[in-house]
Amino acid sequence: MIIQRFIIPKYNWKVVVLHNTTIADKDFIIKALKEICDDEEDINKAKSNINSNKPNQGFIYSNFDTKQSIINIGYASSSYEYIDTIIHEANHLQSH
């Protein structure tokens, strides 16, 4: 797993991106998510996504009150799929 952190200065929005995650990273991912999310339904959706242990999966969670997002980019079956997942989740971040 690679952890990337950055701030979008225009909005003072903090972003953490977890790259190339696997089910072995589940505890770390859920702990990071719980730091900005207290909604059990959203946490359970993330757990389900991770537990599926399928390639080419990702998710984003944003806390609009604290201006923070976590993006999880799971392991990919190819470089094309990896880039596709990044673009897909980045589009969600842009809309948030």
C-alpha atoms as a PDB file:
ATOM      1  CA  MET A   1       0.000   0.000   0.000  1.00  0.00           C
ATOM      2  CA  ILE A   2       1.165   3.499  -0.852  1.00  0.00           C
ATOM      3  CA  ILE A   3      -0.247   6.434   1.109  1.00  0.00           C
ATOM      4  CA  GLN A   4      -0.527   9.803  -0.621  1.00  0.00           C
ATOM      5  CA  ARG A   5      -1.637  12.941   1.240  1.00  0.00           C
ATOM      6  CA  PHE A   6      -2.337  16.325  -0.263  1.00  0.00           C
ATOM      7  CA  ILE A   7      -4.379  19.473   0.237  1.00  0.00           C
ATOM      8  CA  ILE A   8      -6.438  21.216  -2.408  1.00  0.00           C
ATOM      9  CA  PRO A   9      -5.489  24.804  -1.468  1.00  0.00           C
ATOM     10  CA  LYS A  10      -8.426  26.540  -3.128  1.00  0.00           C
ATOM     11  CA  TYR A  11     -10.852  24.725  -0.796  1.00  0.00           C
ATOM     12  CA  ASN A  12      -8.472  23.854   2.065  1.00  0.00           C
ATOM     13  CA  TRP A  13      -9.589  20.248   1.437  1.00  0.00           C
ATOM     14  CA  LYS A  14      -7.449  17.417   2.825  1.00  0.00           C
ATOM     15  CA  VAL A  15      -7.196  14.219   0.798  1.00  0.00           C
ATOM     16  CA  VAL A  16      -5.673  10.863   1.660  1.00  0.00           C
ATOM     17  CA  VAL A  17      -5.294   8.351  -1.164  1.00  0.00           C
ATOM     18  CA  LEU A  18      -4.543   4.732  -0.361  1.00  0.00           C
ATOM     19  CA  HIS A  19      -3.080   3.104  -3.463  1.00  0.00           C
ATOM     20  CA  ASN A  20      -2.831  -0.565  -4.391  1.00  0.00           C
ATOM     21  CA  THR A  21      -4.620  -1.819  -1.293  1.00  0.00           C
ATOM     22  CA  THR A  22      -5.553  -5.429  -0.602  1.00  0.00           C
ATOM     23  CA  ILE A  23      -7.672  -7.181   1.976  1.00  0.00           C
ATOM     24  CA  ALA A  24      -4.537  -7.332   4.147  1.00  0.00           C
ATOM     25  CA  ASP A  25      -4.807  -3.533   4.511  1.00  0.00           C
ATOM     26  CA  LYS A  26      -8.425  -3.675   5.710  1.00  0.00           C
ATOM     27  CA  ASP A  27      -7.773  -2.689   9.347  1.00  0.00           C
ATOM     28  CA  PHE A  28      -5.663   0.309   8.309  1.00  0.00           C
ATOM     29  CA  ILE A  29      -8.244   1.460   5.745  1.00  0.00           C
ATOM     30  CA  ILE A  30     -11.173   1.183   8.169  1.00  0.00           C
ATOM     31  CA  LYS A  31      -9.235   2.962  10.922  1.00  0.00           C
ATOM     32  CA  ALA A  32      -8.409   5.834   8.541  1.00  0.00           C
ATOM     33  CA  LEU A  33     -12.030   5.995   7.412  1.00  0.00           C
ATOM     34  CA  LYS A  34     -13.330   6.098  10.991  1.00  0.00           C
ATOM     35  CA  GLU A  35     -11.126   9.133  11.652  1.00  0.00           C
ATOM     36  CA  ILE A  36     -13.369  11.210   9.376  1.00  0.00           C
ATOM     37  CA  CYS A  37     -16.582   9.142   9.256  1.00  0.00           C
ATOM     38  CA  ASP A  38     -18.965   8.208  12.047  1.00  0.00           C
ATOM     39  CA  ASP A  39     -21.699   6.766   9.816  1.00  0.00           C
ATOM     40  CA  GLU A  40     -21.818   2.984  10.334  1.00  0.00           C
ATOM     41  CA  GLU A  41     -23.666   2.468   7.047  1.00  0.00           C
ATOM     42  CA  ASP A  42     -20.840   4.108   5.086  1.00  0.00           C
ATOM     43  CA  ILE A  43     -18.231   2.178   7.058  1.00  0.00           C
ATOM     44  CA  ASN A  44     -20.063  -1.088   6.378  1.00  0.00           C
ATOM     45  CA  LYS A  45     -20.183  -0.285   2.643  1.00  0.00           C
ATOM     46  CA  ALA A  46     -16.414   0.221   2.700  1.00  0.00           C
ATOM     47  CA  LYS A  47     -15.918  -3.057   4.576  1.00  0.00           C
ATOM     48  CA  SER A  48     -18.049  -4.854   2.005  1.00  0.00           C
ATOM     49  CA  ASN A  49     -16.018  -3.333  -0.827  1.00  0.00           C
ATOM     50  CA  ILE A  50     -12.757  -4.432   0.785  1.00  0.00           C
ATOM     51  CA  ASN A  51     -14.043  -7.886   1.762  1.00  0.00           C
ATOM     52  CA  SER A  52     -15.057  -8.599  -1.825  1.00  0.00           C
ATOM     53  CA  ASN A  53     -11.296  -8.819  -2.470  1.00  0.00           C
ATOM     54  CA  LYS A  54     -11.857  -8.197  -6.168  1.00  0.00           C
ATOM     55  CA  PRO A  55      -9.399  -6.332  -8.373  1.00  0.00           C
ATOM     56  CA  ASN A  56     -10.237  -2.970  -9.925  1.00  0.00           C
ATOM     57  CA  GLN A  57     -12.264  -1.713  -6.966  1.00  0.00           C
ATOM     58  CA  GLY A  58     -12.175   1.621  -5.236  1.00  0.00           C
ATOM     59  CA  PHE A  59     -14.227   3.978  -3.149  1.00  0.00           C
ATOM     60  CA  ILE A  60     -14.231   7.501  -1.825  1.00  0.00           C
ATOM     61  CA  TYR A  61     -15.684   8.949   1.343  1.00  0.00           C
ATOM     62  CA  SER A  62     -15.850  12.699   1.913  1.00  0.00           C
ATOM     63  CA  ASN A  63     -16.720  14.576   5.075  1.00  0.00           C
ATOM     64  CA  PHE A  64     -18.095  17.886   3.854  1.00  0.00           C
ATOM     65  CA  ASP A  65     -18.078  19.480   7.311  1.00  0.00           C
ATOM     66  CA  THR A  66     -14.372  18.897   7.915  1.00  0.00           C
ATOM     67  CA  LYS A  67     -13.357  19.097   4.238  1.00  0.00           C
ATOM     68  CA  GLN A  68     -11.607  15.737   4.194  1.00  0.00           C
ATOM     69  CA  SER A  69     -11.694  12.795   1.805  1.00  0.00           C
ATOM     70  CA  ILE A  70     -10.299   9.289   1.787  1.00  0.00           C
ATOM     71  CA  ILE A  71      -9.877   7.527  -1.528  1.00  0.00           C
ATOM     72  CA  ASN A  72      -9.135   3.816  -1.617  1.00  0.00           C
ATOM     73  CA  ILE A  73      -7.663   2.444  -4.835  1.00  0.00           C
ATOM     74  CA  GLY A  74      -7.524  -1.347  -4.620  1.00  0.00           C
ATOM     75  CA  TYR A  75      -5.127  -3.597  -6.461  1.00  0.00           C
ATOM     76  CA  ALA A  76      -5.664  -3.795 -10.209  1.00  0.00           C
ATOM     77  CA  SER A  77      -5.560  -6.486 -12.843  1.00  0.00           C
ATOM     78  CA  SER A  78      -3.677  -4.190 -15.248  1.00  0.00           C
ATOM     79  CA  SER A  79      -2.177  -0.725 -15.478  1.00  0.00           C
ATOM     80  CA  TYR A  80      -5.174   0.326 -17.583  1.00  0.00           C
ATOM     81  CA  GLU A  81      -7.596  -0.750 -14.831  1.00  0.00           C
ATOM     82  CA  TYR A  82      -5.495   1.001 -12.174  1.00  0.00           C
ATOM     83  CA  ILE A  83      -5.596   4.305 -14.065  1.00  0.00           C
ATOM     84  CA  ASP A  84      -9.306   3.830 -14.792  1.00  0.00           C
ATOM     85  CA  THR A  85     -10.058   3.445 -11.067  1.00  0.00           C
ATOM     86  CA  ILE A  86      -7.979   6.515 -10.196  1.00  0.00           C
ATOM     87  CA  ILE A  87      -9.824   8.595 -12.797  1.00  0.00           C
ATOM     88  CA  HIS A  88     -13.196   7.296 -11.634  1.00  0.00           C
ATOM     89  CA  GLU A  89     -12.532   8.163  -7.982  1.00  0.00           C
ATOM     90  CA  ALA A  90     -10.943  11.516  -8.923  1.00  0.00           C
ATOM     91  CA  ASN A  91     -14.168  12.423 -10.725  1.00  0.00           C
ATOM     92  CA  HIS A  92     -16.074  11.743  -7.506  1.00  0.00           C
ATOM     93  CA  LEU A  93     -13.609  13.919  -5.582  1.00  0.00           C
ATOM     94  CA  GLN A  94     -14.080  16.710  -8.103  1.00  0.00           C
ATOM     95  CA  SER A  95     -17.848  16.608  -7.632  1.00  0.00           C
ATOM     96  CA  HIS A  96     -17.474  16.662  -3.846  1.00  0.00           C
END
